[in-house]
Amino acid sequence: MSLVTILISLLGAFLTYFLAKHDKVGAIRASAILSISAYITFAIAGFNSELYTTLFFGGTFIGMSAPKRFGLYTLFSASIIFSILYYYFVPLVQSYGGALGLSAFISVCVCHLAILLGAPRSQKS
């Protein structure tokens, strides 16, 4: 795991969070538009497009659930938890998709559970 993986998941989450707030876009369209754009960008740049696009796409999962539940601090925390979990789940789960969904789900659940148990909550913007 590196700082790049954390930054890519943060970028996916925050871009989706802000783009999903537009009336005509919504969360699903924001995730799709940004994921396709990220794949094209990573492929042109010559990076490992499969890994980095998967991380970005997982970050968009966090961003899709965030506008109604989370503020910016919680979005940031969930994205970091996602990138850490994803790194450790890829060897355990035999496909990228399984590790992606499991990591995103657990990171959102952990942050939501922390809020329910009284953790400080950032204001939703």
C-alpha atoms as a PDB file:
ATOM      1  CA  MET A   1       0.000   0.000   0.000  1.00  0.00           C
ATOM      2  CA  SER A   2       1.267   3.443  -0.796  1.00  0.00           C
ATOM      3  CA  LEU A   3       0.243   7.039  -0.565  1.00  0.00           C
ATOM      4  CA  VAL A   4      -0.825   6.872  -4.219  1.00  0.00           C
ATOM      5  CA  THR A   5      -3.486   4.251  -3.482  1.00  0.00           C
ATOM      6  CA  ILE A   6      -4.885   6.351  -0.651  1.00  0.00           C
ATOM      7  CA  LEU A   7      -4.923   9.477  -2.811  1.00  0.00           C
ATOM      8  CA  ILE A   8      -6.683   7.699  -5.672  1.00  0.00           C
ATOM      9  CA  SER A   9      -9.453   6.405  -3.413  1.00  0.00           C
ATOM     10  CA  LEU A  10      -9.809   9.848  -1.814  1.00  0.00           C
ATOM     11  CA  LEU A  11     -10.017  11.443  -5.248  1.00  0.00           C
ATOM     12  CA  GLY A  12     -12.728   9.018  -6.352  1.00  0.00           C
ATOM     13  CA  ALA A  13     -14.770   9.572  -3.205  1.00  0.00           C
ATOM     14  CA  PHE A  14     -14.574  13.363  -3.130  1.00  0.00           C
ATOM     15  CA  LEU A  15     -15.169  13.871  -6.859  1.00  0.00           C
ATOM     16  CA  THR A  16     -18.218  11.603  -6.737  1.00  0.00           C
ATOM     17  CA  TYR A  17     -19.476  13.310  -3.581  1.00  0.00           C
ATOM     18  CA  PHE A  18     -19.355  16.772  -5.160  1.00  0.00           C
ATOM     19  CA  LEU A  19     -20.536  15.739  -8.641  1.00  0.00           C
ATOM     20  CA  ALA A  20     -23.480  13.757  -7.218  1.00  0.00           C
ATOM     21  CA  LYS A  21     -24.867  16.909  -5.632  1.00  0.00           C
ATOM     22  CA  HIS A  22     -25.834  18.329  -9.027  1.00  0.00           C
ATOM     23  CA  ASP A  23     -29.516  17.814  -9.752  1.00  0.00           C
ATOM     24  CA  LYS A  24     -29.184  16.240 -13.197  1.00  0.00           C
ATOM     25  CA  VAL A  25     -26.229  13.985 -12.416  1.00  0.00           C
ATOM     26  CA  GLY A  26     -26.943  11.965  -9.271  1.00  0.00           C
ATOM     27  CA  ALA A  27     -24.699   9.457  -7.536  1.00  0.00           C
ATOM     28  CA  ILE A  28     -24.825   6.606 -10.057  1.00  0.00           C
ATOM     29  CA  ARG A  29     -24.124   8.783 -13.082  1.00  0.00           C
ATOM     30  CA  ALA A  30     -21.360  10.599 -11.218  1.00  0.00           C
ATOM     31  CA  SER A  31     -19.675   7.291 -10.383  1.00  0.00           C
ATOM     32  CA  ALA A  32     -19.970   6.026 -13.953  1.00  0.00           C
ATOM     33  CA  ILE A  33     -18.720   9.227 -15.589  1.00  0.00           C
ATOM     34  CA  LEU A  34     -15.783   9.551 -13.221  1.00  0.00           C
ATOM     35  CA  SER A  35     -14.801   5.867 -13.397  1.00  0.00           C
ATOM     36  CA  ILE A  36     -14.737   5.860 -17.191  1.00  0.00           C
ATOM     37  CA  SER A  37     -12.752   9.098 -17.194  1.00  0.00           C
ATOM     38  CA  ALA A  38     -10.298   7.663 -14.659  1.00  0.00           C
ATOM     39  CA  TYR A  39      -9.782   4.526 -16.737  1.00  0.00           C
ATOM     40  CA  ILE A  40      -9.053   6.530 -19.854  1.00  0.00           C
ATOM     41  CA  THR A  41      -6.700   8.819 -17.932  1.00  0.00           C
ATOM     42  CA  PHE A  42      -4.766   5.949 -16.316  1.00  0.00           C
ATOM     43  CA  ALA A  43      -4.555   4.023 -19.595  1.00  0.00           C
ATOM     44  CA  ILE A  44      -3.219   7.033 -21.506  1.00  0.00           C
ATOM     45  CA  ALA A  45      -0.755   7.876 -18.722  1.00  0.00           C
ATOM     46  CA  GLY A  46       0.608   4.323 -18.786  1.00  0.00           C
ATOM     47  CA  PHE A  47      -0.174   3.489 -15.163  1.00  0.00           C
ATOM     48  CA  ASN A  48      -1.502   0.131 -14.017  1.00  0.00           C
ATOM     49  CA  SER A  49      -4.986   1.023 -15.185  1.00  0.00           C
ATOM     50  CA  GLU A  50      -6.672  -2.119 -13.833  1.00  0.00           C
ATOM     51  CA  LEU A  51      -5.493  -1.607 -10.251  1.00  0.00           C
ATOM     52  CA  TYR A  52      -5.798   2.175 -10.102  1.00  0.00           C
ATOM     53  CA  THR A  53      -9.187   2.297 -11.791  1.00  0.00           C
ATOM     54  CA  THR A  54     -10.447  -0.339  -9.369  1.00  0.00           C
ATOM     55  CA  LEU A  55      -9.256   1.760  -6.431  1.00  0.00           C
ATOM     56  CA  PHE A  56     -10.854   4.860  -7.942  1.00  0.00           C
ATOM     57  CA  PHE A  57     -14.108   2.982  -8.558  1.00  0.00           C
ATOM     58  CA  GLY A  58     -14.135   1.776  -4.949  1.00  0.00           C
ATOM     59  CA  GLY A  59     -13.666   5.363  -3.863  1.00  0.00           C
ATOM     60  CA  THR A  60     -16.726   6.296  -5.893  1.00  0.00           C
ATOM     61  CA  PHE A  61     -18.709   3.718  -3.876  1.00  0.00           C
ATOM     62  CA  ILE A  62     -17.830   5.710  -0.777  1.00  0.00           C
ATOM     63  CA  GLY A  63     -18.770   8.969  -2.502  1.00  0.00           C
ATOM     64  CA  MET A  64     -22.113   7.552  -3.640  1.00  0.00           C
ATOM     65  CA  SER A  65     -23.195   6.693  -0.110  1.00  0.00           C
ATOM     66  CA  ALA A  66     -21.817   9.858   1.453  1.00  0.00           C
ATOM     67  CA  PRO A  67     -24.116  12.714   0.335  1.00  0.00           C
ATOM     68  CA  LYS A  68     -26.982  11.503   2.508  1.00  0.00           C
ATOM     69  CA  ARG A  69     -25.044  10.049   5.436  1.00  0.00           C
ATOM     70  CA  PHE A  70     -21.623  11.606   5.777  1.00  0.00           C
ATOM     71  CA  GLY A  71     -19.884  14.932   5.950  1.00  0.00           C
ATOM     72  CA  LEU A  72     -16.424  15.645   4.599  1.00  0.00           C
ATOM     73  CA  TYR A  73     -14.506  14.347   7.622  1.00  0.00           C
ATOM     74  CA  THR A  74     -16.394  11.062   7.619  1.00  0.00           C
ATOM     75  CA  LEU A  75     -15.977  10.766   3.848  1.00  0.00           C
ATOM     76  CA  PHE A  76     -12.239  11.225   4.300  1.00  0.00           C
ATOM     77  CA  SER A  77     -12.122   8.590   7.050  1.00  0.00           C
ATOM     78  CA  ALA A  78     -14.158   6.057   5.070  1.00  0.00           C
ATOM     79  CA  SER A  79     -11.917   6.503   2.021  1.00  0.00           C
ATOM     80  CA  ILE A  80      -8.776   5.851   4.036  1.00  0.00           C
ATOM     81  CA  ILE A  81     -10.326   2.800   5.679  1.00  0.00           C
ATOM     82  CA  PHE A  82     -11.370   1.561   2.225  1.00  0.00           C
ATOM     83  CA  SER A  83      -7.882   1.857   0.763  1.00  0.00           C
ATOM     84  CA  ILE A  84      -6.334   0.009   3.727  1.00  0.00           C
ATOM     85  CA  LEU A  85      -8.930  -2.776   3.679  1.00  0.00           C
ATOM     86  CA  TYR A  86      -8.713  -3.151  -0.083  1.00  0.00           C
ATOM     87  CA  TYR A  87      -4.967  -3.646   0.106  1.00  0.00           C
ATOM     88  CA  TYR A  88      -5.375  -6.483   2.611  1.00  0.00           C
ATOM     89  CA  PHE A  89      -8.465  -8.110   1.048  1.00  0.00           C
ATOM     90  CA  VAL A  90      -7.091  -8.527  -2.498  1.00  0.00           C
ATOM     91  CA  PRO A  91      -4.895 -11.534  -1.544  1.00  0.00           C
ATOM     92  CA  LEU A  92      -7.719 -13.098   0.491  1.00  0.00           C
ATOM     93  CA  VAL A  93     -10.560 -12.645  -1.997  1.00  0.00           C
ATOM     94  CA  GLN A  94      -9.732 -14.130  -5.383  1.00  0.00           C
ATOM     95  CA  SER A  95     -11.029 -11.294  -7.550  1.00  0.00           C
ATOM     96  CA  TYR A  96     -10.753  -7.530  -7.612  1.00  0.00           C
ATOM     97  CA  GLY A  97     -14.541  -7.185  -7.542  1.00  0.00           C
ATOM     98  CA  GLY A  98     -14.959  -9.162  -4.338  1.00  0.00           C
ATOM     99  CA  ALA A  99     -12.278  -7.213  -2.515  1.00  0.00           C
ATOM    100  CA  LEU A 100     -13.664  -3.957  -3.904  1.00  0.00           C
ATOM    101  CA  GLY A 101     -17.228  -4.456  -2.742  1.00  0.00           C
ATOM    102  CA  LEU A 102     -16.264  -5.939   0.604  1.00  0.00           C
ATOM    103  CA  SER A 103     -13.801  -3.142   1.385  1.00  0.00           C
ATOM    104  CA  ALA A 104     -16.231  -0.394   0.409  1.00  0.00           C
ATOM    105  CA  PHE A 105     -19.088  -1.941   2.362  1.00  0.00           C
ATOM    106  CA  ILE A 106     -17.070  -2.473   5.527  1.00  0.00           C
ATOM    107  CA  SER A 107     -15.554   1.030   5.434  1.00  0.00           C
ATOM    108  CA  VAL A 108     -18.962   2.688   5.123  1.00  0.00           C
ATOM    109  CA  CYS A 109     -20.397   0.421   7.835  1.00  0.00           C
ATOM    110  CA  VAL A 110     -17.526   1.170  10.222  1.00  0.00           C
ATOM    111  CA  CYS A 111     -17.943   4.922   9.798  1.00  0.00           C
ATOM    112  CA  HIS A 112     -21.722   4.755  10.084  1.00  0.00           C
ATOM    113  CA  LEU A 113     -21.458   2.578  13.187  1.00  0.00           C
ATOM    114  CA  ALA A 114     -18.956   5.017  14.700  1.00  0.00           C
ATOM    115  CA  ILE A 115     -21.436   7.849  14.136  1.00  0.00           C
ATOM    116  CA  LEU A 116     -24.234   5.830  15.757  1.00  0.00           C
ATOM    117  CA  LEU A 117     -21.996   5.132  18.757  1.00  0.00           C
ATOM    118  CA  GLY A 118     -21.302   8.827  19.246  1.00  0.00           C
ATOM    119  CA  ALA A 119     -18.140   9.592  17.293  1.00  0.00           C
ATOM    120  CA  PRO A 120     -17.703  13.232  16.303  1.00  0.00           C
ATOM    121  CA  ARG A 121     -19.557  13.894  13.088  1.00  0.00           C
ATOM    122  CA  SER A 122     -18.702  16.436  10.478  1.00  0.00           C
ATOM    123  CA  GLN A 123     -21.479  18.662   9.210  1.00  0.00           C
ATOM    124  CA  LYS A 124     -23.044  17.593   5.940  1.00  0.00           C
ATOM    125  CA  SER A 125     -22.583  20.327   3.361  1.00  0.00           C
END
